[in-house]
Amino acid sequence: MKKIGLWMLSAALVFSIAGCSEKPDQARSAAQSVSVPRETAVTVYEPDDQALHVIPRSVTVTALPENQMKEAVTQMIALDQKQKYPVLPKGLTVHSVTVHDGTADVDFSKELKNIQGGSTSEDLLIAMTANTLTGFPDVKKVRFLIDGQPIKRLTGHHDMTSAFPRDEKMIKK
């Protein structure tokens, strides 16, 4: 009888010691590091009424921190589509925005190929996108992709393989 009691006491001691491992702390730490969507005010740019310059608009994006730039570009597209004469093609979406060494690669859907309006539309697209994304601290320049592939030319006026910096001259004062 003493052996059974001693055995049960030993088993209880082993289980209680096992229950004191660091795994709960690790689980708590992992749970704390999971990203949650945050509301953030960002500035996006849209064409002015004459489609000659861009104007800033403050919008609120709700996204995971790693998706805030993509959501900002999505909001930029949505604002343009509400214009009487949108610059960006209907159905345009953004697949992703990734940043490497200060350059944001913006991967648009194939609808970007349908941009109309020649050099003016191309200038506005570049200014809207570059000025929106260079508002984020890690971005100095913007490069354009379509379905993951670099773009050589859109309407034929700019070498789209270049990375474009912020363009203060295009912002209407």
N, C-alpha and C. Protein backbone atom coordinates (compact mmCIF):
# COMPACT_ATOMS: atom_id res chain seq x y z
N MET A 1 0.81 -1.17 0.00
CA MET A 1 0.00 0.00 0.00
C MET A 1 0.87 1.26 0.00
N LYS A 2 1.97 1.21 0.79
CA LYS A 2 2.88 2.34 0.83
C LYS A 2 3.51 2.57 -0.54
N LYS A 3 3.77 1.48 -1.30
CA LYS A 3 4.39 1.61 -2.62
C LYS A 3 3.46 2.35 -3.58
N ILE A 4 2.17 2.05 -3.50
CA ILE A 4 1.21 2.71 -4.40
C ILE A 4 1.13 4.20 -4.07
N GLY A 5 1.06 4.52 -2.79
CA GLY A 5 1.00 5.92 -2.36
C GLY A 5 2.26 6.66 -2.76
N LEU A 6 3.43 6.02 -2.59
CA LEU A 6 4.69 6.63 -2.97
C LEU A 6 4.76 6.82 -4.49
N TRP A 7 4.27 5.83 -5.20
CA TRP A 7 4.26 5.92 -6.66
C TRP A 7 3.37 7.07 -7.12
N MET A 8 2.18 7.22 -6.54
CA MET A 8 1.26 8.30 -6.92
C MET A 8 1.84 9.66 -6.57
N LEU A 9 2.50 9.76 -5.44
CA LEU A 9 3.14 11.01 -5.04
C LEU A 9 4.25 11.37 -6.02
N SER A 10 5.04 10.36 -6.42
CA SER A 10 6.11 10.59 -7.39
C SER A 10 5.54 11.04 -8.73
N ALA A 11 4.47 10.39 -9.18
CA ALA A 11 3.84 10.74 -10.46
C ALA A 11 3.30 12.17 -10.40
N ALA A 12 2.67 12.54 -9.30
CA ALA A 12 2.13 13.90 -9.14
C ALA A 12 3.26 14.92 -9.20
N LEU A 13 4.39 14.61 -8.57
CA LEU A 13 5.53 15.50 -8.56
C LEU A 13 6.08 15.68 -9.98
N VAL A 14 6.20 14.58 -10.73
CA VAL A 14 6.70 14.64 -12.11
C VAL A 14 5.78 15.50 -12.97
N PHE A 15 4.47 15.28 -12.86
CA PHE A 15 3.52 16.04 -13.68
C PHE A 15 3.51 17.52 -13.31
N SER A 16 3.66 17.82 -12.04
CA SER A 16 3.65 19.23 -11.64
C SER A 16 4.92 19.93 -12.11
N ILE A 17 6.04 19.23 -12.09
CA ILE A 17 7.29 19.81 -12.60
C ILE A 17 7.19 20.00 -14.11
N ALA A 18 6.62 19.03 -14.81
CA ALA A 18 6.46 19.13 -16.26
C ALA A 18 5.56 20.30 -16.62
N GLY A 19 4.58 20.57 -15.79
CA GLY A 19 3.67 21.68 -16.04
C GLY A 19 4.32 23.04 -15.87
N CYS A 20 5.51 23.10 -15.34
CA CYS A 20 6.20 24.37 -15.10
C CYS A 20 7.20 24.68 -16.20
N SER A 21 7.04 24.08 -17.35
CA SER A 21 7.99 24.35 -18.43
C SER A 21 7.76 25.75 -18.98
N GLU A 22 8.61 26.18 -19.92
CA GLU A 22 8.52 27.52 -20.49
C GLU A 22 7.54 27.60 -21.64
N LYS A 23 6.91 26.53 -22.02
CA LYS A 23 6.02 26.55 -23.17
C LYS A 23 4.85 27.53 -23.04
N PRO A 24 4.20 27.68 -21.89
CA PRO A 24 3.13 28.68 -21.82
C PRO A 24 3.65 30.09 -22.11
N ASP A 25 4.84 30.42 -21.61
CA ASP A 25 5.40 31.73 -21.89
C ASP A 25 5.69 31.88 -23.38
N GLN A 26 6.20 30.81 -23.99
CA GLN A 26 6.47 30.85 -25.42
C GLN A 26 5.18 31.03 -26.19
N ALA A 27 4.13 30.34 -25.79
CA ALA A 27 2.84 30.47 -26.46
C ALA A 27 2.29 31.88 -26.28
N ARG A 28 2.43 32.44 -25.10
CA ARG A 28 1.97 33.80 -24.84
C ARG A 28 2.76 34.78 -25.69
N SER A 29 4.07 34.57 -25.79
CA SER A 29 4.93 35.44 -26.59
C SER A 29 4.56 35.36 -28.06
N ALA A 30 4.30 34.15 -28.56
CA ALA A 30 3.91 33.98 -29.96
C ALA A 30 2.58 34.66 -30.22
N ALA A 31 1.65 34.55 -29.30
CA ALA A 31 0.35 35.18 -29.47
C ALA A 31 0.48 36.70 -29.50
N GLN A 32 1.41 37.24 -28.73
CA GLN A 32 1.59 38.69 -28.70
C GLN A 32 2.24 39.20 -29.98
N SER A 33 3.00 38.37 -30.68
CA SER A 33 3.69 38.82 -31.88
C SER A 33 2.83 38.69 -33.14
N VAL A 34 1.64 38.13 -33.04
CA VAL A 34 0.75 38.01 -34.18
C VAL A 34 0.25 39.41 -34.55
N SER A 35 0.35 39.75 -35.83
CA SER A 35 -0.09 41.06 -36.29
C SER A 35 -1.60 41.13 -36.31
N VAL A 36 -2.10 42.30 -36.00
CA VAL A 36 -3.53 42.55 -36.09
C VAL A 36 -3.74 43.78 -36.96
N PRO A 37 -4.85 43.83 -37.70
CA PRO A 37 -5.11 45.01 -38.54
C PRO A 37 -5.18 46.27 -37.68
N ARG A 38 -4.61 47.34 -38.22
CA ARG A 38 -4.62 48.62 -37.53
C ARG A 38 -5.20 49.69 -38.44
N GLU A 39 -5.89 50.63 -37.84
CA GLU A 39 -6.35 51.80 -38.58
C GLU A 39 -5.23 52.82 -38.58
N THR A 40 -4.88 53.30 -39.77
CA THR A 40 -3.81 54.27 -39.90
C THR A 40 -4.22 55.33 -40.90
N ALA A 41 -3.98 56.58 -40.59
CA ALA A 41 -4.24 57.67 -41.54
C ALA A 41 -3.05 57.76 -42.49
N VAL A 42 -3.33 57.75 -43.78
CA VAL A 42 -2.28 57.88 -44.79
C VAL A 42 -2.71 58.93 -45.81
N THR A 43 -1.74 59.48 -46.51
CA THR A 43 -2.03 60.44 -47.57
C THR A 43 -1.88 59.74 -48.91
N VAL A 44 -2.94 59.78 -49.69
CA VAL A 44 -2.89 59.26 -51.05
C VAL A 44 -3.13 60.43 -52.00
N TYR A 45 -2.76 60.24 -53.25
CA TYR A 45 -2.85 61.33 -54.22
C TYR A 45 -3.80 60.94 -55.34
N GLU A 46 -4.57 61.94 -55.78
CA GLU A 46 -5.50 61.75 -56.89
C GLU A 46 -5.34 62.93 -57.84
N PRO A 47 -5.79 62.78 -59.08
CA PRO A 47 -5.67 63.90 -60.03
C PRO A 47 -6.55 65.07 -59.62
N ASP A 48 -6.10 66.28 -59.95
CA ASP A 48 -6.96 67.44 -59.73
C ASP A 48 -8.02 67.47 -60.84
N ASP A 49 -8.92 68.45 -60.78
CA ASP A 49 -10.03 68.52 -61.74
C ASP A 49 -9.57 68.70 -63.18
N GLN A 50 -8.42 69.33 -63.37
CA GLN A 50 -7.91 69.54 -64.73
C GLN A 50 -7.00 68.41 -65.19
N ALA A 51 -6.74 67.45 -64.33
CA ALA A 51 -5.86 66.32 -64.64
C ALA A 51 -4.47 66.79 -65.07
N LEU A 52 -3.98 67.81 -64.37
CA LEU A 52 -2.64 68.32 -64.65
C LEU A 52 -1.70 68.10 -63.47
N HIS A 53 -2.26 68.01 -62.29
CA HIS A 53 -1.49 67.83 -61.06
C HIS A 53 -2.17 66.77 -60.21
N VAL A 54 -1.53 66.45 -59.08
CA VAL A 54 -2.16 65.56 -58.11
C VAL A 54 -2.41 66.35 -56.84
N ILE A 55 -3.44 65.92 -56.10
CA ILE A 55 -3.77 66.57 -54.84
C ILE A 55 -3.80 65.52 -53.74
N PRO A 56 -3.35 65.89 -52.55
CA PRO A 56 -3.33 64.93 -51.45
C PRO A 56 -4.71 64.77 -50.83
N ARG A 57 -4.99 63.55 -50.39
CA ARG A 57 -6.21 63.24 -49.64
C ARG A 57 -5.81 62.35 -48.48
N SER A 58 -6.28 62.69 -47.31
CA SER A 58 -6.03 61.85 -46.14
C SER A 58 -7.13 60.80 -46.07
N VAL A 59 -6.73 59.54 -45.99
CA VAL A 59 -7.68 58.44 -45.87
C VAL A 59 -7.23 57.54 -44.72
N THR A 60 -8.17 56.77 -44.23
CA THR A 60 -7.85 55.81 -43.18
C THR A 60 -7.82 54.43 -43.79
N VAL A 61 -6.72 53.73 -43.60
CA VAL A 61 -6.63 52.35 -44.07
C VAL A 61 -6.63 51.43 -42.85
N THR A 62 -7.32 50.33 -43.00
CA THR A 62 -7.33 49.30 -41.96
C THR A 62 -6.69 48.07 -42.56
N ALA A 63 -5.51 47.76 -42.10
CA ALA A 63 -4.76 46.64 -42.67
C ALA A 63 -3.69 46.19 -41.68
N LEU A 64 -3.20 44.98 -41.92
CA LEU A 64 -2.02 44.53 -41.19
C LEU A 64 -0.88 45.47 -41.53
N PRO A 65 0.06 45.69 -40.63
CA PRO A 65 1.16 46.60 -40.93
C PRO A 65 1.86 46.29 -42.25
N GLU A 66 2.04 45.01 -42.56
CA GLU A 66 2.73 44.65 -43.79
C GLU A 66 1.89 44.87 -45.05
N ASN A 67 0.60 45.18 -44.90
CA ASN A 67 -0.28 45.41 -46.06
C ASN A 67 -0.74 46.85 -46.17
N GLN A 68 -0.22 47.75 -45.35
CA GLN A 68 -0.70 49.13 -45.37
C GLN A 68 -0.39 49.84 -46.69
N MET A 69 0.77 49.58 -47.27
CA MET A 69 1.10 50.22 -48.54
C MET A 69 0.18 49.75 -49.66
N LYS A 70 -0.07 48.45 -49.70
CA LYS A 70 -0.99 47.91 -50.71
C LYS A 70 -2.38 48.53 -50.54
N GLU A 71 -2.84 48.64 -49.31
CA GLU A 71 -4.15 49.22 -49.05
C GLU A 71 -4.17 50.70 -49.42
N ALA A 72 -3.08 51.41 -49.21
CA ALA A 72 -3.01 52.82 -49.61
C ALA A 72 -3.15 52.95 -51.12
N VAL A 73 -2.48 52.09 -51.89
CA VAL A 73 -2.60 52.14 -53.35
C VAL A 73 -4.01 51.74 -53.77
N THR A 74 -4.60 50.78 -53.09
CA THR A 74 -5.99 50.40 -53.39
C THR A 74 -6.92 51.59 -53.16
N GLN A 75 -6.71 52.34 -52.09
CA GLN A 75 -7.52 53.54 -51.83
C GLN A 75 -7.27 54.61 -52.89
N MET A 76 -6.03 54.74 -53.34
CA MET A 76 -5.69 55.69 -54.39
C MET A 76 -6.47 55.37 -55.66
N ILE A 77 -6.51 54.08 -56.03
CA ILE A 77 -7.25 53.65 -57.21
C ILE A 77 -8.74 53.95 -57.03
N ALA A 78 -9.28 53.64 -55.86
CA ALA A 78 -10.71 53.86 -55.59
C ALA A 78 -11.07 55.34 -55.70
N LEU A 79 -10.23 56.22 -55.18
CA LEU A 79 -10.48 57.66 -55.30
C LEU A 79 -10.48 58.09 -56.76
N ASP A 80 -9.53 57.59 -57.53
CA ASP A 80 -9.48 57.94 -58.95
C ASP A 80 -10.74 57.47 -59.67
N GLN A 81 -11.22 56.29 -59.35
CA GLN A 81 -12.39 55.74 -60.03
C GLN A 81 -13.66 56.55 -59.74
N LYS A 82 -13.65 57.34 -58.67
CA LYS A 82 -14.81 58.18 -58.34
C LYS A 82 -14.78 59.51 -59.09
N GLN A 83 -13.67 59.79 -59.77
CA GLN A 83 -13.55 61.03 -60.54
C GLN A 83 -14.53 61.01 -61.72
N LYS A 84 -14.89 62.20 -62.18
CA LYS A 84 -15.76 62.30 -63.37
C LYS A 84 -15.07 61.65 -64.57
N TYR A 85 -13.77 61.90 -64.69
CA TYR A 85 -12.97 61.30 -65.76
C TYR A 85 -11.76 60.60 -65.14
N PRO A 86 -11.90 59.34 -64.77
CA PRO A 86 -10.78 58.63 -64.12
C PRO A 86 -9.55 58.53 -65.03
N VAL A 87 -8.40 58.62 -64.43
CA VAL A 87 -7.14 58.47 -65.16
C VAL A 87 -6.79 56.98 -65.28
N LEU A 88 -7.03 56.24 -64.23
CA LEU A 88 -6.63 54.83 -64.19
C LEU A 88 -7.70 53.95 -64.83
N PRO A 89 -7.28 52.87 -65.48
CA PRO A 89 -8.23 51.99 -66.17
C PRO A 89 -9.23 51.32 -65.22
N LYS A 90 -10.42 51.13 -65.72
CA LYS A 90 -11.45 50.43 -64.95
C LYS A 90 -10.99 49.00 -64.67
N GLY A 91 -11.26 48.52 -63.46
CA GLY A 91 -10.90 47.15 -63.09
C GLY A 91 -9.48 46.99 -62.58
N LEU A 92 -8.71 48.09 -62.54
CA LEU A 92 -7.32 48.02 -62.08
C LEU A 92 -7.28 47.65 -60.60
N THR A 93 -6.40 46.71 -60.27
CA THR A 93 -6.17 46.33 -58.87
C THR A 93 -4.66 46.28 -58.63
N VAL A 94 -4.30 46.20 -57.37
CA VAL A 94 -2.89 46.06 -57.01
C VAL A 94 -2.73 44.70 -56.35
N HIS A 95 -1.78 43.91 -56.87
CA HIS A 95 -1.52 42.58 -56.31
C HIS A 95 -0.70 42.68 -55.03
N SER A 96 0.34 43.51 -55.08
CA SER A 96 1.22 43.60 -53.91
C SER A 96 2.08 44.84 -54.00
N VAL A 97 2.63 45.20 -52.85
CA VAL A 97 3.66 46.24 -52.77
C VAL A 97 4.75 45.68 -51.86
N THR A 98 5.96 45.57 -52.41
CA THR A 98 7.09 45.08 -51.63
C THR A 98 8.21 46.12 -51.67
N VAL A 99 8.96 46.22 -50.59
CA VAL A 99 10.01 47.23 -50.50
C VAL A 99 11.36 46.54 -50.31
N HIS A 100 12.33 46.94 -51.15
CA HIS A 100 13.71 46.45 -51.05
C HIS A 100 14.64 47.65 -51.20
N ASP A 101 15.46 47.88 -50.21
CA ASP A 101 16.46 48.96 -50.26
C ASP A 101 15.86 50.31 -50.64
N GLY A 102 14.71 50.64 -50.07
CA GLY A 102 14.09 51.94 -50.30
C GLY A 102 13.26 52.06 -51.56
N THR A 103 13.19 50.99 -52.35
CA THR A 103 12.38 51.02 -53.58
C THR A 103 11.17 50.11 -53.41
N ALA A 104 10.00 50.68 -53.64
CA ALA A 104 8.76 49.91 -53.56
C ALA A 104 8.42 49.38 -54.95
N ASP A 105 8.25 48.08 -55.06
CA ASP A 105 7.78 47.46 -56.30
C ASP A 105 6.27 47.31 -56.18
N VAL A 106 5.54 47.99 -57.06
CA VAL A 106 4.08 47.95 -57.04
C VAL A 106 3.64 47.06 -58.18
N ASP A 107 3.01 45.95 -57.83
CA ASP A 107 2.56 44.97 -58.82
C ASP A 107 1.07 45.18 -59.10
N PHE A 108 0.79 45.79 -60.26
CA PHE A 108 -0.59 46.05 -60.68
C PHE A 108 -1.12 44.90 -61.53
N SER A 109 -2.44 44.86 -61.66
CA SER A 109 -3.07 43.88 -62.54
C SER A 109 -2.90 44.30 -63.99
N LYS A 110 -3.20 43.37 -64.89
CA LYS A 110 -3.00 43.59 -66.33
C LYS A 110 -3.81 44.76 -66.89
N GLU A 111 -4.85 45.20 -66.18
CA GLU A 111 -5.65 46.33 -66.64
C GLU A 111 -4.84 47.61 -66.79
N LEU A 112 -3.69 47.69 -66.12
CA LEU A 112 -2.86 48.88 -66.25
C LEU A 112 -2.44 49.11 -67.70
N LYS A 113 -2.34 48.03 -68.47
CA LYS A 113 -1.97 48.16 -69.89
C LYS A 113 -3.01 48.96 -70.68
N ASN A 114 -4.22 49.08 -70.13
CA ASN A 114 -5.31 49.78 -70.82
C ASN A 114 -5.37 51.27 -70.50
N ILE A 115 -4.33 51.81 -69.90
CA ILE A 115 -4.34 53.24 -69.55
C ILE A 115 -4.45 54.07 -70.83
N GLN A 116 -5.31 55.07 -70.79
CA GLN A 116 -5.55 55.96 -71.93
C GLN A 116 -5.06 57.36 -71.58
N GLY A 117 -4.92 58.20 -72.58
CA GLY A 117 -4.61 59.60 -72.31
C GLY A 117 -3.17 59.99 -72.52
N GLY A 118 -2.36 59.10 -73.04
CA GLY A 118 -1.00 59.44 -73.40
C GLY A 118 -0.12 59.83 -72.24
N SER A 119 0.76 60.81 -72.51
CA SER A 119 1.77 61.18 -71.52
C SER A 119 1.16 61.78 -70.25
N THR A 120 0.03 62.48 -70.38
CA THR A 120 -0.59 63.08 -69.20
C THR A 120 -1.03 62.00 -68.21
N SER A 121 -1.70 60.98 -68.70
CA SER A 121 -2.14 59.89 -67.82
C SER A 121 -0.95 59.16 -67.21
N GLU A 122 0.08 58.96 -68.02
CA GLU A 122 1.27 58.28 -67.51
C GLU A 122 1.94 59.12 -66.42
N ASP A 123 2.06 60.43 -66.65
CA ASP A 123 2.63 61.33 -65.64
C ASP A 123 1.82 61.29 -64.35
N LEU A 124 0.49 61.31 -64.47
CA LEU A 124 -0.37 61.29 -63.29
C LEU A 124 -0.27 59.96 -62.55
N LEU A 125 -0.25 58.85 -63.27
CA LEU A 125 -0.09 57.53 -62.64
C LEU A 125 1.20 57.50 -61.83
N ILE A 126 2.29 57.94 -62.42
CA ILE A 126 3.58 57.93 -61.74
C ILE A 126 3.54 58.83 -60.51
N ALA A 127 3.02 60.05 -60.67
CA ALA A 127 2.97 61.00 -59.55
C ALA A 127 2.05 60.50 -58.44
N MET A 128 0.88 59.98 -58.80
CA MET A 128 -0.05 59.48 -57.79
C MET A 128 0.59 58.36 -56.97
N THR A 129 1.19 57.41 -57.67
CA THR A 129 1.73 56.23 -57.01
C THR A 129 3.01 56.56 -56.23
N ALA A 130 3.93 57.27 -56.88
CA ALA A 130 5.20 57.60 -56.21
C ALA A 130 4.97 58.50 -54.99
N ASN A 131 4.12 59.50 -55.13
CA ASN A 131 3.88 60.41 -54.00
C ASN A 131 3.12 59.72 -52.87
N THR A 132 2.22 58.81 -53.21
CA THR A 132 1.51 58.06 -52.17
C THR A 132 2.48 57.19 -51.39
N LEU A 133 3.30 56.42 -52.09
CA LEU A 133 4.17 55.45 -51.41
C LEU A 133 5.39 56.08 -50.75
N THR A 134 5.90 57.18 -51.29
CA THR A 134 7.04 57.82 -50.63
C THR A 134 6.60 58.55 -49.36
N GLY A 135 5.32 58.56 -49.08
CA GLY A 135 4.83 59.05 -47.80
C GLY A 135 5.11 58.07 -46.67
N PHE A 136 5.47 56.84 -47.02
CA PHE A 136 5.86 55.84 -46.02
C PHE A 136 7.36 55.97 -45.78
N PRO A 137 7.81 55.88 -44.54
CA PRO A 137 9.22 56.16 -44.22
C PRO A 137 10.25 55.28 -44.93
N ASP A 138 9.91 54.05 -45.27
CA ASP A 138 10.88 53.14 -45.87
C ASP A 138 11.00 53.28 -47.39
N VAL A 139 10.19 54.13 -48.00
CA VAL A 139 10.13 54.20 -49.47
C VAL A 139 10.71 55.51 -49.97
N LYS A 140 11.67 55.40 -50.88
CA LYS A 140 12.28 56.57 -51.52
C LYS A 140 11.92 56.64 -53.01
N LYS A 141 11.70 55.47 -53.62
CA LYS A 141 11.38 55.40 -55.05
C LYS A 141 10.36 54.29 -55.28
N VAL A 142 9.74 54.34 -56.46
CA VAL A 142 8.70 53.37 -56.80
C VAL A 142 8.97 52.81 -58.20
N ARG A 143 8.83 51.49 -58.30
CA ARG A 143 8.98 50.80 -59.59
C ARG A 143 7.65 50.11 -59.89
N PHE A 144 7.28 50.05 -61.17
CA PHE A 144 5.99 49.50 -61.59
C PHE A 144 6.14 48.12 -62.21
N LEU A 145 5.23 47.22 -61.84
CA LEU A 145 5.16 45.87 -62.40
C LEU A 145 3.73 45.61 -62.84
N ILE A 146 3.57 44.71 -63.80
CA ILE A 146 2.25 44.21 -64.19
C ILE A 146 2.31 42.70 -64.07
N ASP A 147 1.44 42.16 -63.24
CA ASP A 147 1.38 40.71 -62.99
C ASP A 147 2.76 40.13 -62.68
N GLY A 148 3.53 40.87 -61.88
CA GLY A 148 4.83 40.40 -61.43
C GLY A 148 5.98 40.65 -62.39
N GLN A 149 5.69 41.22 -63.55
CA GLN A 149 6.73 41.45 -64.55
C GLN A 149 7.05 42.94 -64.69
N PRO A 150 8.32 43.28 -64.87
CA PRO A 150 8.68 44.69 -65.07
C PRO A 150 8.01 45.24 -66.34
N ILE A 151 7.72 46.52 -66.33
CA ILE A 151 7.11 47.19 -67.48
C ILE A 151 8.20 47.97 -68.19
N LYS A 152 8.26 47.86 -69.51
CA LYS A 152 9.21 48.67 -70.27
C LYS A 152 8.59 50.03 -70.59
N ARG A 153 7.39 50.00 -71.15
CA ARG A 153 6.68 51.23 -71.51
C ARG A 153 5.19 51.02 -71.31
N LEU A 154 4.50 52.10 -71.01
CA LEU A 154 3.03 52.04 -70.93
C LEU A 154 2.45 52.76 -72.14
N THR A 155 2.49 54.10 -72.13
CA THR A 155 1.98 54.84 -73.28
C THR A 155 3.13 55.29 -74.18
N GLY A 156 4.35 54.90 -73.83
CA GLY A 156 5.49 55.19 -74.68
C GLY A 156 6.27 56.43 -74.32
N HIS A 157 5.93 57.08 -73.22
CA HIS A 157 6.57 58.35 -72.91
C HIS A 157 7.64 58.27 -71.83
N HIS A 158 7.57 57.25 -70.99
CA HIS A 158 8.55 57.08 -69.91
C HIS A 158 9.16 55.69 -69.98
N ASP A 159 10.43 55.62 -69.62
CA ASP A 159 11.08 54.33 -69.43
C ASP A 159 10.59 53.80 -68.09
N MET A 160 9.65 52.86 -68.13
CA MET A 160 9.02 52.38 -66.90
C MET A 160 9.89 51.38 -66.14
N THR A 161 11.07 51.05 -66.68
CA THR A 161 11.97 50.17 -65.94
C THR A 161 12.69 50.94 -64.83
N SER A 162 12.64 52.27 -64.92
CA SER A 162 13.27 53.11 -63.89
C SER A 162 12.43 53.12 -62.62
N ALA A 163 13.09 53.43 -61.52
CA ALA A 163 12.37 53.65 -60.27
C ALA A 163 12.13 55.16 -60.15
N PHE A 164 10.92 55.55 -59.81
CA PHE A 164 10.52 56.95 -59.79
C PHE A 164 10.50 57.50 -58.37
N PRO A 165 11.17 58.65 -58.14
CA PRO A 165 11.13 59.27 -56.81
C PRO A 165 9.86 60.11 -56.64
N ARG A 166 9.69 60.64 -55.48
CA ARG A 166 8.60 61.57 -55.19
C ARG A 166 8.73 62.76 -56.15
N ASP A 167 7.59 63.28 -56.62
CA ASP A 167 7.61 64.40 -57.55
C ASP A 167 6.79 65.56 -56.97
N GLU A 168 7.47 66.41 -56.22
CA GLU A 168 6.80 67.55 -55.58
C GLU A 168 6.22 68.52 -56.60
N LYS A 169 6.82 68.61 -57.79
CA LYS A 169 6.33 69.54 -58.81
C LYS A 169 4.93 69.17 -59.30
N MET A 170 4.58 67.89 -59.20
CA MET A 170 3.26 67.46 -59.66
C MET A 170 2.16 67.68 -58.61
N ILE A 171 2.54 68.03 -57.39
CA ILE A 171 1.55 68.25 -56.33
C ILE A 171 1.02 69.68 -56.43
N LYS A 172 -0.29 69.80 -56.59
CA LYS A 172 -0.91 71.12 -56.69
C LYS A 172 -0.81 71.82 -55.34
N LYS A 173 -0.34 73.05 -55.38
CA LYS A 173 -0.18 73.84 -54.15
C LYS A 173 -1.40 74.68 -53.88
